[in-house]
């Protein structure tokens, strides 16, 4: 059988080429071959157009779309038979009684009590003078009691000018004069105080507010602060914190289960032709330690620079080939089931009924993980639960994948999703062997979200030095949040300690876990879960 003739490229059809080909086919009376080739070209163009429309809709979406099974079923365009499992409707016999309705109405706890550690500011709401006279006898009524109502409020920040008066003393008997030395500052002889600089650091990297916008806020208060001045001050503060960031990096690189993911970071560089280039930020986690590691390039060498000499590590990541060298050096690369499910979700969202079957199977896998979390399983218990419940689900999923791959074209959205699962299958099964390994790499993606939100506001960094400073301060903030430490209060306390001569030999005492033990008021989590003695736990309430 003769091979099908190609009319033109379906990606960029050449009309002159198609017209000449049609004239040739008509002249030779090859009408069957002409119709077959034209139909094939139109079908290929249709497939390409459908894929491009789906990609365009994905790029234009206002926010990340939910991948939960329930919402995915409700997002489908048509309620095809057998595609959506209908929810059982309640019969009239199952209608809730009046007593049950009353119980539900009584379950609301009402307004919660305000935090106990906040100061109480009394605001007296007095009875007006015209109502203080008794309407019966005309006597002046006296105060009997007050009924209290707690309302949360905020005291707006205001900019003040501190006038430092440096004392000079002199001896009354001779000409000896001694003057007070200026106190240490983040920026020596700078016009901005340390508290203002640390607040600017927190506003930019915790609240994602660019420095230019902060200067605009100061201008509304009648204060002229130039963005370059504030930027250099913020850079100086981050440079002071760099040794703490290096210690956090060491803790992250220490023995344990590592996880990583990466994203791009625009870097302004006048030496490049376009004036801007793209660097890479890697988010690394190890238990409660988080490090944002910057590299000008996002290749395997950047991963090796972070890991150092010990490359035989267990590093959880997505299906990227950048970290494949870990397996060649004796390490392991646990896969991410969220990435494996995502491709099936995209196919199901496009209307593929078969892909939805795979999503339903994987949903049972995630249900086992939720049960383990709810039960408070330790690593050994989680491993036993996975061996008992997750392995049969995975066997069923693999059988389903092998069946569908024999009938689904590999270039379709579902075929690509099945191919990813097959290629990553060995890595996706590693979480069955160790209860410490997570089923997904979602934590690293959540950590990177902190950078992505800021990047959408302050847009870029200045040279590699600025990108490295961004990684340092984000490492400290993310580690504080992982330890349930208030990052803003922590930065104020640590910067003050370093500026006033904290000894290098005791630098580890400035790490978030040790600062939490020394200052329990920095804790922002559940007071009952505070990892310090009970005697000091009340200070965090």
Protein backbone atom coordinates (compact mmCIF):
# COMPACT_ATOMS: atom_id res chain seq x y z
CA UNK A 1 0.00 0.00 0.00
CA UNK A 2 1.36 3.42 -1.01
CA UNK A 3 2.19 5.83 1.78
CA UNK A 4 -0.08 8.84 2.30
CA UNK A 5 1.19 11.90 0.43
CA UNK A 6 1.78 15.07 2.46
CA UNK A 7 0.22 18.19 0.95
CA UNK A 8 1.85 20.84 3.17
CA UNK A 9 2.91 21.44 6.75
CA UNK A 10 -0.07 21.56 9.11
CA UNK A 11 1.80 24.05 11.32
CA UNK A 12 2.23 26.68 8.56
CA UNK A 13 0.36 25.69 5.37
CA UNK A 14 1.77 27.21 2.17
CA UNK A 15 -1.22 28.22 0.00
CA UNK A 16 0.82 28.40 -3.22
CA UNK A 17 2.19 24.93 -2.56
CA UNK A 18 -1.30 23.57 -1.89
CA UNK A 19 -2.71 25.22 -5.03
CA UNK A 20 0.04 23.75 -7.21
CA UNK A 21 -0.43 20.33 -5.69
CA UNK A 22 -4.21 20.41 -6.30
CA UNK A 23 -3.70 21.38 -9.94
CA UNK A 24 -1.29 18.48 -10.39
CA UNK A 25 -3.70 15.99 -8.78
CA UNK A 26 -6.62 17.19 -10.92
CA UNK A 27 -4.57 17.03 -14.09
CA UNK A 28 -3.66 13.41 -13.38
CA UNK A 29 -7.24 12.53 -12.28
CA UNK A 30 -6.05 11.26 -8.84
CA UNK A 31 -9.19 12.38 -7.04
CA UNK A 32 -9.28 9.69 -4.33
CA UNK A 33 -5.73 10.41 -3.23
CA UNK A 34 -6.44 14.16 -3.35
CA UNK A 35 -9.50 13.92 -1.09
CA UNK A 36 -7.69 11.60 1.33
CA UNK A 37 -4.69 13.93 1.65
CA UNK A 38 -6.85 17.05 2.08
CA UNK A 39 -8.96 15.39 4.79
CA UNK A 40 -5.79 14.30 6.59
CA UNK A 41 -4.39 17.85 6.43
CA UNK A 42 -7.62 19.36 7.76
CA UNK A 43 -7.77 16.77 10.56
CA UNK A 44 -4.19 17.48 11.58
CA UNK A 45 -4.85 21.24 11.55
CA UNK A 46 -7.95 20.67 13.66
CA UNK A 47 -5.95 18.72 16.25
CA UNK A 48 -3.29 21.42 16.38
CA UNK A 49 -5.91 24.14 16.72
CA UNK A 50 -7.64 22.29 19.57
CA UNK A 51 -4.34 21.90 21.41
CA UNK A 52 -3.43 25.57 20.92
CA UNK A 53 -6.84 26.73 22.10
CA UNK A 54 -6.45 24.63 25.24
CA UNK A 55 -2.98 26.07 25.88
CA UNK A 56 -4.26 29.62 25.36
CA UNK A 57 -7.13 29.06 27.78
CA UNK A 58 -4.64 27.65 30.29
CA UNK A 59 -2.42 30.73 30.01
CA UNK A 60 -5.35 33.16 30.25
CA UNK A 61 -6.93 31.63 33.33
CA UNK A 62 -7.36 34.13 36.16
CA UNK A 63 -6.15 31.76 38.87
CA UNK A 64 -5.04 28.13 39.22
CA UNK A 65 -7.92 25.82 38.51
CA UNK A 66 -8.88 23.23 41.07
CA UNK A 67 -7.76 19.67 40.38
CA UNK A 68 -10.07 18.02 42.91
CA UNK A 69 -12.16 15.19 41.51
CA UNK A 70 -15.49 16.69 42.59
CA UNK A 71 -14.85 20.04 40.94
CA UNK A 72 -13.38 18.38 37.87
CA UNK A 73 -16.59 16.41 37.37
CA UNK A 74 -18.69 19.57 37.76
CA UNK A 75 -16.50 21.50 35.29
CA UNK A 76 -17.25 19.15 32.42
CA UNK A 77 -19.25 20.69 29.64
CA UNK A 78 -21.87 17.93 29.20
CA UNK A 79 -23.28 15.45 31.76
CA UNK A 80 -22.45 12.37 29.66
CA UNK A 81 -23.93 9.09 30.79
CA UNK A 82 -21.67 7.24 33.17
CA UNK A 83 -19.20 10.13 33.37
CA UNK A 84 -20.53 11.78 36.49
CA UNK A 85 -21.73 9.79 39.44
CA UNK A 86 -24.95 11.46 40.64
CA UNK A 87 -25.22 12.29 44.30
CA UNK A 88 -27.95 10.43 46.09
CA UNK A 89 -30.88 12.74 46.73
CA UNK A 90 -32.43 12.76 50.15
CA UNK A 91 -35.92 11.39 50.30
CA UNK A 92 -38.71 13.02 52.24
CA UNK A 93 -38.35 10.35 54.89
CA UNK A 94 -34.74 11.50 55.42
CA UNK A 95 -35.63 15.17 55.80
CA UNK A 96 -34.15 16.67 58.98
CA UNK A 97 -36.49 17.10 61.87
CA UNK A 98 -37.11 20.38 63.69
CA UNK A 99 -34.95 19.22 66.60
CA UNK A 100 -32.02 18.54 64.24
CA UNK A 101 -32.41 22.00 62.71
CA UNK A 102 -32.32 23.59 66.15
CA UNK A 103 -29.18 21.61 67.04
CA UNK A 104 -27.44 22.78 63.87
CA UNK A 105 -28.34 26.37 64.59
CA UNK A 106 -26.86 26.03 68.07
CA UNK A 107 -23.51 24.68 66.90
CA UNK A 108 -22.09 28.08 65.94
CA UNK A 109 -19.55 29.05 68.61
CA UNK A 110 -20.28 32.76 68.25
CA UNK A 111 -17.71 35.50 68.32
CA UNK A 112 -14.33 34.22 69.44
CA UNK A 113 -12.43 35.84 72.29
CA UNK A 114 -9.68 38.27 71.21
CA UNK A 115 -6.05 37.14 71.70
CA UNK A 116 -5.09 37.24 75.37
CA UNK A 117 -1.61 38.70 74.74
CA UNK A 118 -2.89 41.90 73.14
CA UNK A 119 -3.14 44.95 75.44
CA UNK A 120 -6.62 46.11 76.46
CA UNK A 121 -7.33 49.80 75.86
CA UNK A 122 -10.48 50.89 77.75
CA UNK A 123 -12.80 53.15 75.77
CA UNK A 124 -15.66 54.44 77.95
CA UNK A 125 -19.04 54.77 76.30
CA UNK A 126 -20.86 57.05 78.71
CA UNK A 127 -24.57 57.76 78.95
CA UNK A 128 -25.38 61.22 77.49
CA UNK A 129 -25.94 63.99 80.13
CA UNK A 130 -29.61 64.46 79.23
CA UNK A 131 -30.28 60.82 80.06
CA UNK A 132 -28.44 60.78 83.41
CA UNK A 133 -31.38 62.41 85.26
CA UNK A 134 -33.98 60.03 86.62
CA UNK A 135 -37.29 60.65 84.82
CA UNK A 136 -39.25 59.64 87.94
CA UNK A 137 -37.66 61.71 90.74
CA UNK A 138 -35.23 63.98 88.92
CA UNK A 139 -32.18 62.75 90.87
CA UNK A 140 -28.76 62.41 89.19
CA UNK A 141 -28.12 58.73 88.49
CA UNK A 142 -24.77 57.16 89.37
CA UNK A 143 -22.71 54.52 87.60
CA UNK A 144 -23.63 50.98 88.62
CA UNK A 145 -21.64 48.83 86.19
CA UNK A 146 -20.21 48.55 82.71
CA UNK A 147 -20.95 45.87 80.13
CA UNK A 148 -17.87 45.14 78.05
CA UNK A 149 -17.56 44.48 74.31
CA UNK A 150 -14.20 43.60 72.76
CA UNK A 151 -13.41 45.05 69.31
CA UNK A 152 -10.13 44.59 67.47
CA UNK A 153 -8.52 47.81 66.30
CA UNK A 154 -5.18 48.98 64.95
CA UNK A 155 -2.99 51.97 65.71
CA UNK A 156 -1.79 53.38 62.36
CA UNK A 157 1.97 53.65 62.00
CA UNK A 158 3.47 57.13 61.90
CA UNK A 159 6.88 58.39 60.88
CA UNK A 160 8.84 60.29 63.50
CA UNK A 161 12.21 62.03 63.56
CA UNK A 162 14.54 60.88 66.31
CA UNK A 163 16.88 63.60 67.51
CA UNK A 164 19.90 61.88 69.01
CA UNK A 165 21.67 64.05 71.54
CA UNK A 166 25.26 62.85 71.90
CA UNK A 167 26.48 63.88 75.33
CA UNK A 168 29.84 65.53 75.87
CA UNK A 169 31.36 65.70 79.34
CA UNK A 170 34.38 67.63 80.63
CA UNK A 171 36.54 67.42 83.71
CA UNK A 172 36.18 70.53 85.96
CA UNK A 173 39.87 70.29 86.98
CA UNK A 174 41.59 70.00 83.58
CA UNK A 175 40.91 70.03 79.85
CA UNK A 176 39.75 66.36 79.57
CA UNK A 177 36.68 66.03 77.34
CA UNK A 178 34.81 62.80 76.53
CA UNK A 179 31.94 62.50 74.02
CA UNK A 180 29.50 59.62 73.66
CA UNK A 181 30.25 57.42 70.67
CA UNK A 182 27.45 57.13 68.10
CA UNK A 183 25.49 53.90 68.58
CA UNK A 184 25.97 51.22 65.91
CA UNK A 185 23.56 51.25 62.94
CA UNK A 186 22.81 49.08 59.95
CA UNK A 187 24.03 51.91 57.71
CA UNK A 188 26.72 53.89 59.48
CA UNK A 189 25.76 57.57 59.69
CA UNK A 190 22.67 56.78 57.61
CA UNK A 191 19.52 58.86 57.63
CA UNK A 192 17.23 55.82 58.10
CA UNK A 193 16.88 54.15 61.49
CA UNK A 194 17.27 50.41 61.93
CA UNK A 195 13.60 49.84 62.73
CA UNK A 196 12.51 51.57 59.53
CA UNK A 197 14.97 49.53 57.47
CA UNK A 198 13.87 46.20 58.96
CA UNK A 199 10.23 47.16 58.41
CA UNK A 200 11.07 47.87 54.76
CA UNK A 201 12.70 44.43 54.46
CA UNK A 202 9.61 42.77 55.95
CA UNK A 203 7.19 44.77 53.80
CA UNK A 204 9.04 43.78 50.63
CA UNK A 205 9.73 40.10 51.25
CA UNK A 206 6.86 39.14 53.58
CA UNK A 207 4.08 41.41 52.30
CA UNK A 208 5.49 41.63 48.72
CA UNK A 209 5.45 45.45 48.61
CA UNK A 210 8.08 46.98 46.27
CA UNK A 211 10.39 49.61 47.67
CA UNK A 212 9.08 52.24 45.24
CA UNK A 213 5.57 51.72 46.61
CA UNK A 214 6.87 52.05 50.15
CA UNK A 215 8.53 55.34 49.24
CA UNK A 216 5.21 56.52 47.81
CA UNK A 217 3.59 55.69 51.14
CA UNK A 218 6.23 57.75 52.95
CA UNK A 219 5.62 60.63 50.53
CA UNK A 220 1.94 60.67 51.51
CA UNK A 221 3.10 61.24 55.08
CA UNK A 222 5.23 64.16 53.94
CA UNK A 223 8.56 62.30 54.08
CA UNK A 224 10.86 62.18 51.06
CA UNK A 225 12.73 58.86 50.96
CA UNK A 226 14.45 58.10 47.66
CA UNK A 227 14.03 54.50 46.43
CA UNK A 228 17.81 54.07 45.86
CA UNK A 229 18.47 55.14 49.44
CA UNK A 230 15.94 52.70 50.82
CA UNK A 231 17.21 49.98 48.47
CA UNK A 232 20.82 50.32 49.61
CA UNK A 233 19.71 50.26 53.24
CA UNK A 234 17.66 47.09 52.69
CA UNK A 235 20.65 45.48 50.96
CA UNK A 236 22.88 46.36 53.91
CA UNK A 237 20.40 44.77 56.33
CA UNK A 238 20.26 41.55 54.30
CA UNK A 239 24.07 41.46 54.15
CA UNK A 240 24.10 41.53 57.96
CA UNK A 241 21.78 38.51 57.97
CA UNK A 242 23.83 36.56 55.40
CA UNK A 243 25.72 34.51 58.06
CA UNK A 244 22.37 33.36 59.49
CA UNK A 245 21.25 32.36 55.99
CA UNK A 246 24.47 30.34 55.54
CA UNK A 247 23.75 28.44 58.78
CA UNK A 248 20.22 27.71 57.60
CA UNK A 249 21.69 26.42 54.34
CA UNK A 250 23.96 24.08 56.30
CA UNK A 251 20.99 22.78 58.30
CA UNK A 252 19.04 22.22 55.08
CA UNK A 253 21.95 20.35 53.52
CA UNK A 254 22.39 18.16 56.63
CA UNK A 255 21.38 14.46 56.60
CA UNK A 256 17.69 13.94 56.03
CA UNK A 257 15.09 13.81 53.29
CA UNK A 258 15.60 16.64 50.82
CA UNK A 259 13.06 18.11 48.44
CA UNK A 260 13.51 20.72 45.74
CA UNK A 261 11.81 22.67 42.99
CA UNK A 262 12.89 25.67 40.92
CA UNK A 263 11.53 28.77 39.26
CA UNK A 264 12.97 31.61 37.20
CA UNK A 265 14.03 35.00 38.52
CA UNK A 266 14.47 38.02 36.20
CA UNK A 267 17.85 39.70 36.80
CA UNK A 268 18.71 43.17 35.53
CA UNK A 269 22.18 43.10 33.98
CA UNK A 270 23.44 46.01 31.84
CA UNK A 271 26.16 43.80 30.36
CA UNK A 272 23.62 41.64 28.50
CA UNK A 273 22.28 42.71 25.09
CA UNK A 274 18.69 43.10 26.31
CA UNK A 275 19.65 44.42 29.75
CA UNK A 276 17.86 41.57 31.54
CA UNK A 277 18.38 37.84 31.84
CA UNK A 278 16.82 34.96 33.73
CA UNK A 279 18.37 33.28 36.76
CA UNK A 280 17.09 30.32 38.76
CA UNK A 281 15.99 30.02 42.37
CA UNK A 282 15.91 26.51 43.87
CA UNK A 283 13.72 25.96 46.94
CA UNK A 284 15.26 23.23 49.13
CA UNK A 285 13.59 21.75 52.20
CA UNK A 286 14.77 19.38 54.90
CA UNK A 287 12.24 18.96 57.72
CA UNK A 288 11.64 22.50 59.02
CA UNK A 289 14.63 24.05 57.28
CA UNK A 290 14.12 25.91 54.00
CA UNK A 291 16.77 27.38 51.70
CA UNK A 292 16.30 29.45 48.56
CA UNK A 293 19.46 28.84 46.55
CA UNK A 294 20.17 31.16 43.63
CA UNK A 295 22.10 30.17 40.53
CA UNK A 296 22.61 32.11 37.28
CA UNK A 297 21.75 28.90 35.42
CA UNK A 298 19.22 26.20 36.23
CA UNK A 299 21.34 23.22 35.18
CA UNK A 300 22.54 20.18 37.09
CA UNK A 301 25.71 22.00 38.14
CA UNK A 302 23.61 24.37 40.27
CA UNK A 303 22.13 21.35 42.08
CA UNK A 304 25.61 19.91 42.62
CA UNK A 305 26.84 23.22 44.04
CA UNK A 306 24.14 23.11 46.68
CA UNK A 307 24.59 19.44 47.60
CA UNK A 308 28.38 19.60 47.75
CA UNK A 309 30.34 16.36 47.69
CA UNK A 310 27.56 14.09 48.99
CA UNK A 311 25.44 13.41 45.90
CA UNK A 312 24.05 10.05 47.03
CA UNK A 313 21.02 11.70 48.65
CA UNK A 314 17.26 11.14 48.55
CA UNK A 315 15.84 14.25 46.84
CA UNK A 316 12.16 14.52 46.06
CA UNK A 317 11.37 16.55 42.96
CA UNK A 318 9.27 16.53 39.80
CA UNK A 319 10.10 14.68 36.59
CA UNK A 320 12.87 17.03 35.45
CA UNK A 321 15.97 15.48 33.89
CA UNK A 322 18.23 18.01 35.65
CA UNK A 323 18.46 15.87 38.78
CA UNK A 324 18.84 12.52 37.00
CA UNK A 325 22.51 12.39 37.98
CA UNK A 326 21.45 11.66 41.58
CA UNK A 327 20.40 8.13 40.62
CA UNK A 328 23.69 7.51 38.85
CA UNK A 329 25.58 8.43 42.03
CA UNK A 330 23.53 6.09 44.25
CA UNK A 331 20.82 8.53 45.32
CA UNK A 332 17.05 8.33 44.98
CA UNK A 333 14.51 10.62 43.35
CA UNK A 334 10.99 10.10 44.72
CA UNK A 335 8.40 11.33 42.25
CA UNK A 336 5.40 13.60 42.65
CA UNK A 337 1.90 12.20 42.32
CA UNK A 338 0.46 15.71 41.92
CA UNK A 339 2.43 16.08 38.68
CA UNK A 340 1.37 12.60 37.56
CA UNK A 341 -2.30 13.40 38.18
CA UNK A 342 -2.12 16.88 36.60
CA UNK A 343 -1.74 15.57 33.06
CA UNK A 344 -4.74 13.30 33.45
CA UNK A 345 -6.71 16.24 34.85
CA UNK A 346 -5.85 18.33 31.79
CA UNK A 347 -7.04 15.54 29.51
CA UNK A 348 -10.24 15.05 31.53
CA UNK A 349 -10.89 18.80 31.55
CA UNK A 350 -10.76 18.66 27.74
CA UNK A 351 -13.61 16.11 27.84
CA UNK A 352 -11.72 12.80 27.83
CA UNK A 353 -13.89 10.32 29.72
CA UNK A 354 -11.11 7.73 29.93
CA UNK A 355 -8.75 10.16 31.70
CA UNK A 356 -11.35 10.77 34.39
CA UNK A 357 -11.18 7.07 35.29
CA UNK A 358 -7.47 7.45 36.09
CA UNK A 359 -8.14 10.59 38.14
CA UNK A 360 -10.66 8.65 40.21
CA UNK A 361 -8.14 5.89 40.92
CA UNK A 362 -5.47 8.40 41.98
CA UNK A 363 -8.05 10.17 44.17
CA UNK A 364 -8.26 6.99 46.28
CA UNK A 365 -4.48 7.18 46.68
CA UNK A 366 -4.71 10.70 48.08
CA UNK A 367 -7.54 9.61 50.35
CA UNK A 368 -5.15 7.16 52.03
CA UNK A 369 -2.68 10.03 52.62
CA UNK A 370 -5.41 12.17 54.18
CA UNK A 371 -6.40 9.32 56.50
CA UNK A 372 -2.78 8.93 57.57
CA UNK A 373 -2.50 12.63 58.35
CA UNK A 374 -5.78 12.66 60.27
CA UNK A 375 -4.70 9.65 62.31
CA UNK A 376 -1.37 11.29 63.21
CA UNK A 377 0.71 8.38 61.83
CA UNK A 378 4.45 8.36 62.36
CA UNK A 379 6.79 7.29 59.56
CA UNK A 380 6.53 3.57 60.33
CA UNK A 381 2.76 3.64 60.66
CA UNK A 382 2.44 5.61 57.44
CA UNK A 383 4.61 3.07 55.62
CA UNK A 384 2.50 0.17 56.89
CA UNK A 385 -0.70 1.94 55.88
CA UNK A 386 0.64 2.58 52.39
CA UNK A 387 1.73 -1.04 51.97
CA UNK A 388 -1.68 -2.22 53.10
CA UNK A 389 -3.94 0.25 51.28
CA UNK A 390 -1.98 2.17 48.64
CA UNK A 391 -0.16 -0.72 46.96
CA UNK A 392 -3.36 -2.45 45.74
CA UNK A 393 -4.54 0.90 44.34
CA UNK A 394 -1.25 1.33 42.50
CA UNK A 395 -1.47 -2.19 41.07
CA UNK A 396 -4.94 -1.36 39.77
CA UNK A 397 -3.69 1.94 38.34
CA UNK A 398 -0.79 0.25 36.53
CA UNK A 399 -3.13 -2.29 34.96
CA UNK A 400 -5.36 0.56 33.80
CA UNK A 401 -2.37 2.45 32.36
CA UNK A 402 -1.11 -0.58 30.43
CA UNK A 403 -4.59 -1.19 29.01
CA UNK A 404 -5.10 2.40 27.89
CA UNK A 405 -1.64 2.77 26.36
CA UNK A 406 -2.47 -0.03 23.94
CA UNK A 407 -5.42 1.92 22.50
CA UNK A 408 -4.70 5.63 23.18
CA UNK A 409 -2.46 7.52 20.68
CA UNK A 410 0.69 8.74 22.43
CA UNK A 411 0.43 12.32 21.11
CA UNK A 412 -2.99 13.01 22.62
CA UNK A 413 -3.26 14.76 26.03
CA UNK A 414 -4.17 11.45 27.67
CA UNK A 415 -1.38 9.64 25.83
CA UNK A 416 1.15 12.18 27.10
CA UNK A 417 -0.17 11.79 30.64
CA UNK A 418 0.08 8.00 30.45
CA UNK A 419 3.60 8.27 29.05
CA UNK A 420 4.68 10.47 31.96
CA UNK A 421 3.32 7.99 34.50
CA UNK A 422 5.12 5.08 32.82
CA UNK A 423 8.44 6.95 32.62
CA UNK A 424 8.23 8.05 36.26
CA UNK A 425 6.61 4.86 37.62
CA UNK A 426 9.68 3.56 39.47
CA UNK A 427 10.18 6.93 41.15
CA UNK A 428 6.48 7.30 41.95
CA UNK A 429 6.57 4.02 43.91
CA UNK A 430 9.43 5.07 46.22
CA UNK A 431 7.05 6.64 48.73
CA UNK A 432 5.83 3.11 49.57
CA UNK A 433 9.26 2.21 50.97
CA UNK A 434 9.70 5.14 53.39
CA UNK A 435 7.01 6.81 55.45
CA UNK A 436 9.08 10.01 55.58
CA UNK A 437 8.72 10.50 51.82
CA UNK A 438 5.71 12.59 50.84
CA UNK A 439 3.36 11.52 48.08
CA UNK A 440 3.73 14.87 46.32
CA UNK A 441 6.25 17.67 45.91
CA UNK A 442 3.59 20.24 46.78
CA UNK A 443 5.46 21.63 49.77
CA UNK A 444 8.27 22.91 47.56
CA UNK A 445 5.71 24.49 45.25
CA UNK A 446 4.11 26.22 48.22
CA UNK A 447 7.48 27.55 49.32
CA UNK A 448 8.16 28.89 45.83
CA UNK A 449 4.80 30.64 45.87
CA UNK A 450 6.30 33.07 48.37
CA UNK A 451 8.87 34.09 45.76
CA UNK A 452 6.40 34.10 42.87
CA UNK A 453 4.01 36.45 44.66
CA UNK A 454 6.85 38.85 45.37
CA UNK A 455 8.20 38.56 41.82
CA UNK A 456 4.86 39.68 40.41
CA UNK A 457 5.18 42.88 42.45
CA UNK A 458 8.85 43.88 42.50
CA UNK A 459 9.41 42.26 39.05
CA UNK A 460 13.21 41.74 39.09
CA UNK A 461 16.47 41.95 41.04
CA UNK A 462 19.68 43.85 40.34
CA UNK A 463 22.56 41.63 39.20
CA UNK A 464 23.43 38.28 40.76
CA UNK A 465 24.22 39.96 44.09
CA UNK A 466 20.63 41.13 44.39
CA UNK A 467 19.31 37.67 43.50
CA UNK A 468 21.54 36.09 46.16
CA UNK A 469 20.25 38.57 48.73
CA UNK A 470 16.70 37.65 47.72
CA UNK A 471 17.49 33.98 48.32
CA UNK A 472 19.09 34.73 51.70
CA UNK A 473 16.19 36.73 53.14
CA UNK A 474 13.57 34.32 51.77
CA UNK A 475 15.47 31.42 53.38
CA UNK A 476 15.26 33.11 56.78
CA UNK A 477 11.58 34.06 56.39
CA UNK A 478 10.53 30.61 55.13
CA UNK A 479 12.43 28.84 57.93
CA UNK A 480 10.80 31.11 60.52
CA UNK A 481 7.35 30.29 59.14
CA UNK A 482 8.17 26.56 59.13
CA UNK A 483 9.14 26.83 62.83
CA UNK A 484 5.95 28.83 63.64
CA UNK A 485 8.07 31.87 64.45
CA UNK A 486 6.84 35.39 63.71
CA UNK A 487 9.28 36.41 60.94
CA UNK A 488 8.83 40.15 61.41
CA UNK A 489 9.48 40.07 65.16
CA UNK A 490 12.35 37.63 64.61
CA UNK A 491 14.08 39.89 62.08
CA UNK A 492 13.82 42.91 64.37
CA UNK A 493 15.37 41.01 67.26
CA UNK A 494 18.12 39.31 65.27
CA UNK A 495 19.17 42.44 63.37
CA UNK A 496 19.35 44.37 66.64
CA UNK A 497 21.53 41.66 68.16
CA UNK A 498 23.93 41.55 65.19
CA UNK A 499 24.21 45.33 64.93
CA UNK A 500 25.08 45.56 68.60
CA UNK A 501 27.93 43.09 68.35
CA UNK A 502 26.56 39.57 68.71
CA UNK A 503 29.62 37.26 68.99
CA UNK A 504 30.39 35.09 65.97
CA UNK A 505 30.98 32.09 68.24
CA UNK A 506 27.32 32.19 69.30
CA UNK A 507 25.86 32.81 65.84
CA UNK A 508 23.92 29.53 65.91
CA UNK A 509 21.92 30.86 68.84
CA UNK A 510 20.28 33.24 66.36
CA UNK A 511 18.70 30.42 64.35
CA UNK A 512 14.88 30.36 64.53
CA UNK A 513 14.62 27.19 66.62
CA UNK A 514 17.00 28.51 69.30
CA UNK A 515 15.50 31.98 69.28
CA UNK A 516 12.09 30.39 69.83
CA UNK A 517 13.42 28.56 72.89
CA UNK A 518 14.91 31.80 74.25
CA UNK A 519 11.96 34.04 73.34
CA UNK A 520 8.71 32.06 73.36
CA UNK A 521 6.75 35.23 72.61
CA UNK A 522 7.95 34.84 69.00
CA UNK A 523 5.72 31.77 68.64
CA UNK A 524 2.64 32.22 66.40
CA UNK A 525 1.33 28.65 66.28
CA UNK A 526 -0.84 26.62 68.64
CA UNK A 527 0.37 27.40 72.20
CA UNK A 528 -0.33 23.82 73.30
CA UNK A 529 2.09 22.57 70.63
CA UNK A 530 4.90 24.94 71.57
CA UNK A 531 8.12 22.86 71.75
CA UNK A 532 9.36 24.44 75.00
CA UNK A 533 8.84 23.65 78.69
CA UNK A 534 5.35 24.24 80.08
CA UNK A 535 6.59 26.90 82.49
CA UNK A 536 7.49 29.25 79.63
CA UNK A 537 4.59 28.27 77.39
CA UNK A 538 2.27 30.79 78.99
CA UNK A 539 4.42 33.63 77.63
CA UNK A 540 3.37 32.76 74.09
CA UNK A 541 -0.35 32.90 74.84
